[in-house]
Amino acid sequence: MTATRKSDPLLDVIAELGATGKEVNCGMQAFYDEGQRVWVGDELNGHAAEHVFTLDQLDDVIPWLRAAAATVLKRGWHAPDEA
């Protein structure tokens, strides 16, 4: 029996990134009352894209993550200051 999950837009985006067949690291960190820091990349190699979303901008996280990952995949995997 295959487990099914309810649709979750954030998990759907993460699944899309995994389906690219390329290593796409991303993360999200909550800042209590300041919102969410979201990034594509990793601590070791640098964040190739990063943005802090205030609490009233959280609906923008998923479109930003999709666009940021697409940009990173298109230009190559490096932080912007290494371009």
Protein backbone atom coordinates (compact mmCIF):
# COMPACT_ATOMS: atom_id res chain seq x y z
CA MET A 1 0.00 0.00 0.00
CA THR A 2 1.36 3.41 -0.98
CA ALA A 3 1.02 6.19 1.53
CA THR A 4 -0.64 9.30 0.22
CA ARG A 5 -0.16 12.76 1.56
CA LYS A 6 -2.31 15.81 1.40
CA SER A 7 -1.10 18.39 -1.04
CA ASP A 8 1.24 20.90 0.59
CA PRO A 9 2.50 23.67 -1.68
CA LEU A 10 5.90 23.93 0.01
CA LEU A 11 6.46 20.17 -0.11
CA ASP A 12 5.32 20.21 -3.74
CA VAL A 13 8.03 22.77 -4.61
CA ILE A 14 10.67 20.75 -2.76
CA ALA A 15 9.56 17.65 -4.68
CA GLU A 16 9.80 19.62 -7.96
CA LEU A 17 13.36 20.64 -7.10
CA GLY A 18 14.26 17.04 -6.30
CA ALA A 19 12.77 15.90 -9.61
CA THR A 20 15.25 18.05 -11.57
CA GLY A 21 17.86 15.33 -11.14
CA LYS A 22 20.32 17.98 -9.98
CA GLU A 23 21.43 18.81 -6.48
CA VAL A 24 19.25 21.70 -5.37
CA ASN A 25 19.66 22.53 -1.70
CA CYS A 26 17.27 24.92 -0.02
CA GLY A 27 16.20 25.89 3.44
CA MET A 28 13.94 28.02 5.54
CA GLN A 29 14.51 29.49 8.98
CA ALA A 30 11.89 31.12 11.16
CA PHE A 31 12.63 34.36 12.95
CA TYR A 32 9.89 34.48 15.59
CA ASP A 33 8.17 37.78 14.77
CA GLU A 34 10.40 38.81 11.86
CA GLY A 35 9.23 36.26 9.28
CA GLN A 36 11.14 33.62 7.33
CA ARG A 37 14.63 33.54 5.83
CA VAL A 38 14.54 31.33 2.72
CA TRP A 39 17.56 30.30 0.66
CA VAL A 40 18.77 28.18 -2.22
CA GLY A 41 22.26 26.80 -1.68
CA ASP A 42 23.97 25.62 1.47
CA GLU A 43 26.17 26.89 4.27
CA LEU A 44 29.28 25.14 2.94
CA ASN A 45 29.14 26.39 -0.66
CA GLY A 46 27.24 29.60 -0.04
CA HIS A 47 23.69 30.66 -0.61
CA ALA A 48 23.14 31.20 -4.31
CA ALA A 49 19.93 33.10 -3.51
CA GLU A 50 18.44 34.30 -0.24
CA HIS A 51 15.52 36.45 0.86
CA VAL A 52 13.84 37.36 4.16
CA PHE A 53 10.06 37.42 4.00
CA THR A 54 8.09 39.36 6.59
CA LEU A 55 5.03 37.74 8.10
CA ASP A 56 2.73 39.54 5.66
CA GLN A 57 4.79 38.29 2.67
CA LEU A 58 4.65 34.55 3.40
CA ASP A 59 2.42 33.91 0.38
CA ASP A 60 5.40 35.01 -1.74
CA VAL A 61 7.76 32.29 -0.44
CA ILE A 62 6.76 29.53 -2.86
CA PRO A 63 6.85 31.61 -6.06
CA TRP A 64 10.19 33.09 -4.97
CA LEU A 65 11.66 29.66 -4.21
CA ARG A 66 10.59 28.34 -7.63
CA ALA A 67 12.04 31.37 -9.43
CA ALA A 68 15.26 31.43 -7.40
CA ALA A 69 15.90 27.72 -7.99
CA ALA A 70 15.22 28.10 -11.72
CA THR A 71 17.68 31.02 -11.89
CA VAL A 72 20.34 29.08 -9.99
CA LEU A 73 19.90 26.01 -12.19
CA LYS A 74 20.11 28.16 -15.33
CA ARG A 75 23.26 30.10 -14.40
CA GLY A 76 25.09 27.31 -12.60
CA TRP A 77 25.56 26.48 -8.99
CA HIS A 78 27.50 29.28 -7.34
CA ALA A 79 26.82 32.21 -5.09
CA PRO A 80 26.07 35.47 -6.93
CA ASP A 81 29.39 37.07 -5.90
CA GLU A 82 31.22 34.18 -7.60
CA ALA A 83 29.47 34.71 -10.96
